[in-house]
């Protein structure tokens, strides 16, 4: 029987009035067996810890978390530890057991003052704003700005990876894995348990479970089918030095050195003509396959024939090259 993978760390948990864990921040996480209680390092949170509730109705308490990474998630603290591991580049997407993550994460009101519970947010918001006014804080500081209501927070509020550029922090969730050299433009989006495995340009949507290989570009408005909303189990990916054109999309995987032309969506069931120059010159019908038959294959250009409207797969000899100057982050 294979030895189970484990991880551990001290986290600072936000606990609401009902005892629910809203979030847990791990400044540092470790892979491997957790030390015995007597040998654990100090959590080091100091004055950040407060056992009494603040004006949000939130207590902040240190929690020591041990996680069996091959087993289903056991708690909110466990879920946050696994999300941190991916954003800290300690675990790649699709390598951790994330079963049960939605059930363990609470819906939270994310604000410029940190997390609030949804149930009593209106009153707690008034309390915070009133306290800000009474302390002489300018109006902008007293306002409680709601950033989102969601189970997953922004990655950058918890982990800031080195060597990346992110145009809009709202569009990268905690649990995203971004390799050095990655640029996520303002309209780009990277979900949890998804990301890049090298220098990449992300201008479109990288859905849960999707990974993009080194030197590849996901164009503006482009989309890659994930595994969440449709309930599918097939994980799609993009290989190295490939381009998913602007407003294009795939429900299959791309291999290395592939291009999908702008505006073209290729799914597993899409009927695709396999271009053959000799057959085309002789007026012979081209072979037709489904998109699934070409999933993960290298050196393919997917285009729509502008005369016939047919989607075609044509051979491609080389991959794309990203602009080095844009990715020296």
Protein backbone atom coordinates (compact mmCIF):
# COMPACT_ATOMS: atom_id res chain seq x y z
CA UNK A 1 0.00 0.00 0.00
CA UNK A 2 1.40 3.39 -1.01
CA UNK A 3 2.33 5.76 1.79
CA UNK A 4 -0.17 8.58 2.16
CA UNK A 5 0.96 12.11 1.39
CA UNK A 6 0.51 14.63 4.18
CA UNK A 7 0.87 18.34 4.88
CA UNK A 8 0.59 20.59 7.92
CA UNK A 9 0.73 24.18 9.06
CA UNK A 10 -0.36 26.83 11.54
CA UNK A 11 -3.28 28.88 10.30
CA UNK A 12 -5.10 31.96 11.55
CA UNK A 13 -8.82 31.18 11.43
CA UNK A 14 -11.72 33.65 11.34
CA UNK A 15 -14.63 32.26 13.39
CA UNK A 16 -18.10 33.85 13.28
CA UNK A 17 -20.62 34.18 16.13
CA UNK A 18 -22.20 30.82 15.25
CA UNK A 19 -18.84 29.04 15.45
CA UNK A 20 -18.42 28.66 11.69
CA UNK A 21 -14.96 29.00 10.18
CA UNK A 22 -15.07 31.73 7.55
CA UNK A 23 -11.47 31.43 6.37
CA UNK A 24 -8.00 30.28 7.43
CA UNK A 25 -4.77 31.98 6.41
CA UNK A 26 -1.56 29.91 6.34
CA UNK A 27 1.53 32.13 6.01
CA UNK A 28 3.56 28.93 5.68
CA UNK A 29 2.68 25.32 4.89
CA UNK A 30 4.82 22.20 4.97
CA UNK A 31 4.63 18.90 3.13
CA UNK A 32 5.22 15.71 5.11
CA UNK A 33 4.37 14.30 8.50
CA UNK A 34 3.40 16.87 11.14
CA UNK A 35 5.72 17.15 14.15
CA UNK A 36 4.60 15.92 17.53
CA UNK A 37 2.74 18.51 19.61
CA UNK A 38 5.77 19.14 21.83
CA UNK A 39 7.95 19.79 18.77
CA UNK A 40 5.64 22.14 16.88
CA UNK A 41 6.98 25.61 16.12
CA UNK A 42 5.21 28.61 17.61
CA UNK A 43 2.45 29.94 15.36
CA UNK A 44 3.88 33.47 15.56
CA UNK A 45 0.58 35.30 15.04
CA UNK A 46 1.00 37.45 18.16
CA UNK A 47 -1.43 40.37 18.39
CA UNK A 48 -3.35 39.19 15.32
CA UNK A 49 -5.05 36.65 17.58
CA UNK A 50 -8.13 37.85 19.47
CA UNK A 51 -10.36 35.43 21.35
CA UNK A 52 -13.18 37.94 21.75
CA UNK A 53 -15.31 38.97 18.76
CA UNK A 54 -14.50 42.18 16.89
CA UNK A 55 -17.11 44.49 15.37
CA UNK A 56 -17.62 41.97 12.56
CA UNK A 57 -18.57 39.39 15.18
CA UNK A 58 -15.42 37.48 14.24
CA UNK A 59 -12.79 35.88 16.47
CA UNK A 60 -9.32 35.15 15.08
CA UNK A 61 -7.74 32.03 16.50
CA UNK A 62 -4.64 29.97 15.65
CA UNK A 63 -5.34 26.45 14.37
CA UNK A 64 -2.83 23.68 13.77
CA UNK A 65 -3.93 21.65 10.75
CA UNK A 66 -2.78 18.24 9.57
CA UNK A 67 -4.02 17.03 6.18
CA UNK A 68 -4.05 13.59 4.58
CA UNK A 69 -3.81 14.75 0.99
CA UNK A 70 -5.09 11.52 -0.56
CA UNK A 71 -8.22 11.42 1.61
CA UNK A 72 -11.41 13.53 1.31
CA UNK A 73 -11.33 16.95 2.97
CA UNK A 74 -12.24 16.78 6.66
CA UNK A 75 -12.78 20.41 7.68
CA UNK A 76 -12.74 24.03 6.56
CA UNK A 77 -9.18 24.38 7.85
CA UNK A 78 -8.16 21.31 5.85
CA UNK A 79 -9.77 22.76 2.70
CA UNK A 80 -7.91 26.05 3.09
CA UNK A 81 -4.61 24.26 3.66
CA UNK A 82 -4.98 22.33 0.39
CA UNK A 83 -5.89 25.52 -1.50
CA UNK A 84 -2.81 27.23 -0.05
CA UNK A 85 -0.59 24.30 -1.09
CA UNK A 86 -1.56 24.82 -4.74
CA UNK A 87 -1.16 28.59 -4.73
CA UNK A 88 2.18 28.23 -2.91
CA UNK A 89 3.30 25.85 -5.71
CA UNK A 90 3.73 22.98 -3.25
CA UNK A 91 1.14 20.87 -5.10
CA UNK A 92 0.12 21.02 -8.76
CA UNK A 93 -3.50 21.02 -9.93
CA UNK A 94 -5.24 17.64 -10.03
CA UNK A 95 -2.77 16.07 -7.59
CA UNK A 96 -4.75 16.54 -4.34
CA UNK A 97 -7.98 14.89 -3.24
CA UNK A 98 -10.50 17.75 -3.17
CA UNK A 99 -13.60 15.62 -2.56
CA UNK A 100 -16.05 17.46 -0.31
CA UNK A 101 -14.50 20.91 -0.69
CA UNK A 102 -17.77 22.72 -1.43
CA UNK A 103 -19.47 21.20 1.60
CA UNK A 104 -16.62 22.25 3.89
CA UNK A 105 -16.35 25.87 2.69
CA UNK A 106 -18.88 28.40 3.99
CA UNK A 107 -20.45 31.13 1.90
CA UNK A 108 -18.75 34.35 3.02
CA UNK A 109 -19.16 38.09 2.47
CA UNK A 110 -15.67 39.19 1.41
CA UNK A 111 -14.93 42.85 2.14
CA UNK A 112 -12.09 45.33 2.54
CA UNK A 113 -12.35 44.58 6.29
CA UNK A 114 -11.99 40.85 5.77
CA UNK A 115 -14.63 38.10 5.89
CA UNK A 116 -18.10 38.56 7.40
CA UNK A 117 -20.79 35.96 8.03
CA UNK A 118 -23.67 36.27 5.57
CA UNK A 119 -26.46 35.91 8.15
CA UNK A 120 -25.83 39.05 10.23
CA UNK A 121 -23.86 41.08 7.70
CA UNK A 122 -26.19 44.10 7.52
CA UNK A 123 -26.00 44.83 11.25
CA UNK A 124 -22.28 44.07 11.50
CA UNK A 125 -21.60 46.37 8.57
CA UNK A 126 -23.37 49.22 10.36
CA UNK A 127 -21.34 48.55 13.52
CA UNK A 128 -18.05 48.74 11.63
CA UNK A 129 -19.02 51.88 9.73
CA UNK A 130 -20.27 53.62 12.88
CA UNK A 131 -17.05 52.81 14.72
CA UNK A 132 -15.04 54.22 11.84
CA UNK A 133 -16.94 57.50 11.93
CA UNK A 134 -16.63 57.79 15.72
CA UNK A 135 -12.86 57.28 15.54
CA UNK A 136 -12.50 60.15 13.09
CA UNK A 137 -11.69 57.93 10.13
CA UNK A 138 -12.37 59.56 6.73
CA UNK A 139 -15.51 58.36 5.00
CA UNK A 140 -13.66 56.17 2.51
CA UNK A 141 -12.00 54.25 5.31
CA UNK A 142 -15.27 53.82 7.19
CA UNK A 143 -17.11 52.29 4.23
CA UNK A 144 -17.41 48.52 4.12
CA UNK A 145 -16.97 47.56 0.48
CA UNK A 146 -18.36 44.18 -0.53
CA UNK A 147 -15.98 42.49 -2.94
CA UNK A 148 -17.85 39.21 -3.37
CA UNK A 149 -20.18 36.67 -1.77
CA UNK A 150 -18.58 33.32 -2.43
CA UNK A 151 -17.01 30.22 -0.93
CA UNK A 152 -13.58 30.94 -2.43
CA UNK A 153 -11.57 34.10 -1.72
CA UNK A 154 -9.09 35.93 -3.92
CA UNK A 155 -5.69 34.27 -4.03
CA UNK A 156 -3.76 37.50 -3.56
CA UNK A 157 -5.30 38.12 -0.12
CA UNK A 158 -3.58 34.92 1.07
CA UNK A 159 -0.71 34.02 -1.27
CA UNK A 160 1.41 36.30 -3.48
CA UNK A 161 3.51 34.04 -5.74
CA UNK A 162 6.80 35.30 -7.13
CA UNK A 163 7.42 36.05 -10.79
CA UNK A 164 3.83 36.63 -11.94
CA UNK A 165 1.69 39.56 -13.07
CA UNK A 166 -2.04 39.67 -12.32
CA UNK A 167 -4.08 42.52 -13.80
CA UNK A 168 -7.16 42.00 -11.60
CA UNK A 169 -6.87 40.16 -8.29
CA UNK A 170 -10.61 39.41 -8.25
CA UNK A 171 -10.15 37.03 -11.17
CA UNK A 172 -7.71 34.56 -9.59
CA UNK A 173 -9.13 32.32 -6.87
CA UNK A 174 -7.21 30.87 -3.94
CA UNK A 175 -6.07 27.44 -5.10
CA UNK A 176 -4.86 28.66 -8.49
CA UNK A 177 -1.36 27.46 -9.44
CA UNK A 178 0.61 30.11 -11.34
CA UNK A 179 4.14 29.30 -12.46
CA UNK A 180 6.83 31.95 -12.69
CA UNK A 181 6.60 33.97 -15.89
CA UNK A 182 2.79 33.80 -15.99
CA UNK A 183 0.84 36.92 -16.87
CA UNK A 184 -2.91 37.01 -16.16
CA UNK A 185 -4.39 40.00 -17.95
CA UNK A 186 -7.37 41.97 -16.60
CA UNK A 187 -9.97 39.85 -18.40
CA UNK A 188 -8.20 36.56 -17.63
CA UNK A 189 -9.56 34.16 -15.01
CA UNK A 190 -7.94 31.23 -13.19
CA UNK A 191 -10.05 29.00 -10.95
CA UNK A 192 -8.90 26.90 -8.01
CA UNK A 193 -7.21 23.58 -8.89
CA UNK A 194 -6.18 25.05 -12.24
CA UNK A 195 -3.28 27.03 -13.60
CA UNK A 196 -0.07 27.22 -15.58
CA UNK A 197 2.95 24.92 -15.73
CA UNK A 198 5.39 27.46 -17.14
CA UNK A 199 5.59 30.89 -18.75
CA UNK A 200 2.09 31.64 -20.08
CA UNK A 201 -0.18 34.45 -21.21
CA UNK A 202 -3.70 34.15 -19.78
CA UNK A 203 -6.27 36.51 -21.31
CA UNK A 204 -9.22 34.08 -21.17
CA UNK A 205 -10.81 31.59 -18.77
CA UNK A 206 -8.87 28.70 -17.22
CA UNK A 207 -11.55 26.57 -15.57
CA UNK A 208 -11.26 24.20 -12.62
CA UNK A 209 -9.05 21.19 -13.40
CA UNK A 210 -7.43 22.80 -16.47
CA UNK A 211 -3.65 23.23 -16.81
CA UNK A 212 -1.82 25.24 -19.47
CA UNK A 213 1.67 24.23 -20.57
CA UNK A 214 4.83 26.31 -20.87
CA UNK A 215 4.92 28.92 -23.62
CA UNK A 216 1.18 28.82 -24.36
CA UNK A 217 -1.36 31.62 -24.76
CA UNK A 218 -5.06 31.63 -23.86
CA UNK A 219 -6.43 34.52 -25.92
CA UNK A 220 -8.86 37.22 -24.85
CA UNK A 221 -12.37 35.89 -24.26
CA UNK A 222 -11.26 32.29 -24.83
CA UNK A 223 -12.62 29.48 -22.65
CA UNK A 224 -11.54 25.98 -21.68
CA UNK A 225 -14.21 23.58 -20.43
CA UNK A 226 -13.71 22.49 -16.83
CA UNK A 227 -15.23 19.69 -14.78
CA UNK A 228 -17.59 21.56 -12.42
CA UNK A 229 -20.81 22.80 -14.01
CA UNK A 230 -21.33 19.89 -16.38
CA UNK A 231 -20.35 17.26 -13.87
CA UNK A 232 -17.90 15.71 -16.32
CA UNK A 233 -14.81 13.82 -15.24
CA UNK A 234 -12.61 14.49 -18.29
CA UNK A 235 -9.92 17.07 -17.54
CA UNK A 236 -8.86 19.23 -20.46
CA UNK A 237 -5.44 20.79 -20.83
CA UNK A 238 -3.28 22.78 -23.22
CA UNK A 239 0.21 21.58 -24.06
CA UNK A 240 3.32 23.64 -24.66
CA UNK A 241 3.67 26.49 -27.20
CA UNK A 242 0.01 26.37 -28.18
CA UNK A 243 -2.48 29.16 -28.83
CA UNK A 244 -6.19 29.26 -28.06
CA UNK A 245 -7.26 32.24 -30.16
CA UNK A 246 -9.38 35.16 -29.01
CA UNK A 247 -13.01 34.17 -28.25
CA UNK A 248 -12.22 30.55 -29.10
CA UNK A 249 -12.94 27.58 -26.87
CA UNK A 250 -12.15 23.92 -26.39
CA UNK A 251 -13.89 20.96 -24.81
CA UNK A 252 -10.92 18.76 -25.71
CA UNK A 253 -7.24 18.91 -24.84
CA UNK A 254 -4.65 20.52 -27.07
CA UNK A 255 -1.25 18.92 -27.42
CA UNK A 256 2.00 20.78 -28.04
CA UNK A 257 2.37 23.30 -30.89
CA UNK A 258 -1.36 23.60 -31.60
CA UNK A 259 -3.49 26.58 -32.62
CA UNK A 260 -7.26 27.08 -32.48
CA UNK A 261 -8.23 30.03 -34.66
CA UNK A 262 -10.06 33.01 -33.16
CA UNK A 263 -13.77 32.48 -32.57
CA UNK A 264 -13.73 28.70 -33.12
CA UNK A 265 -15.13 26.36 -30.45
CA UNK A 266 -14.07 22.72 -30.66
CA UNK A 267 -15.83 20.16 -28.45
CA UNK A 268 -15.49 16.39 -28.15
CA UNK A 269 -18.42 15.89 -30.52
CA UNK A 270 -17.43 18.46 -33.15
CA UNK A 271 -17.13 16.95 -36.65
CA UNK A 272 -13.72 17.85 -38.08
CA UNK A 273 -12.30 17.33 -41.56
CA UNK A 274 -8.71 16.07 -41.51
CA UNK A 275 -7.06 18.10 -44.24
CA UNK A 276 -5.07 16.20 -46.85
CA UNK A 277 -3.55 18.28 -49.64
CA UNK A 278 -3.59 15.48 -52.22
CA UNK A 279 -7.21 14.54 -51.52
CA UNK A 280 -8.27 18.17 -51.63
CA UNK A 281 -6.49 18.72 -54.96
CA UNK A 282 -8.13 15.61 -56.44
CA UNK A 283 -11.58 16.61 -55.22
CA UNK A 284 -11.79 13.56 -52.94
CA UNK A 285 -13.81 13.87 -49.74
CA UNK A 286 -11.67 14.45 -46.67
CA UNK A 287 -11.78 12.06 -43.71
CA UNK A 288 -14.08 13.27 -40.93
CA UNK A 289 -13.42 12.57 -37.24
CA UNK A 290 -14.80 13.79 -33.94
CA UNK A 291 -12.96 16.33 -31.81
CA UNK A 292 -12.39 13.66 -29.17
CA UNK A 293 -10.29 11.69 -31.68
CA UNK A 294 -7.83 14.58 -31.90
CA UNK A 295 -7.77 15.43 -28.19
CA UNK A 296 -4.23 15.83 -26.89
CA UNK A 297 -2.59 15.37 -30.30
CA UNK A 298 0.37 17.59 -31.20
CA UNK A 299 1.01 19.95 -34.13
CA UNK A 300 -2.55 20.69 -35.24
CA UNK A 301 -4.09 23.89 -36.57
CA UNK A 302 -7.87 23.99 -36.04
CA UNK A 303 -9.61 26.38 -38.44
CA UNK A 304 -13.00 26.93 -40.04
CA UNK A 305 -12.89 26.86 -43.84
CA UNK A 306 -14.27 30.26 -44.81
CA UNK A 307 -15.68 28.92 -48.10
CA UNK A 308 -17.41 25.74 -46.93
CA UNK A 309 -17.89 26.46 -43.22
CA UNK A 310 -16.37 23.08 -42.33
CA UNK A 311 -14.04 22.83 -39.33
CA UNK A 312 -10.69 21.44 -40.40
CA UNK A 313 -7.58 20.09 -38.72
CA UNK A 314 -4.39 20.91 -40.58
CA UNK A 315 -0.80 19.94 -39.79
CA UNK A 316 1.39 22.54 -38.12
CA UNK A 317 5.16 22.26 -37.93
CA UNK A 318 6.08 24.59 -35.07
CA UNK A 319 4.59 26.16 -31.97
CA UNK A 320 4.07 29.79 -31.01
CA UNK A 321 6.69 31.89 -29.25
CA UNK A 322 5.70 34.29 -26.48
CA UNK A 323 7.27 37.74 -26.17
CA UNK A 324 10.04 37.29 -23.59
CA UNK A 325 9.90 40.95 -22.57
CA UNK A 326 6.26 40.60 -21.51
CA UNK A 327 6.96 37.69 -19.18
CA UNK A 328 10.04 38.84 -17.27
CA UNK A 329 8.05 39.33 -14.09
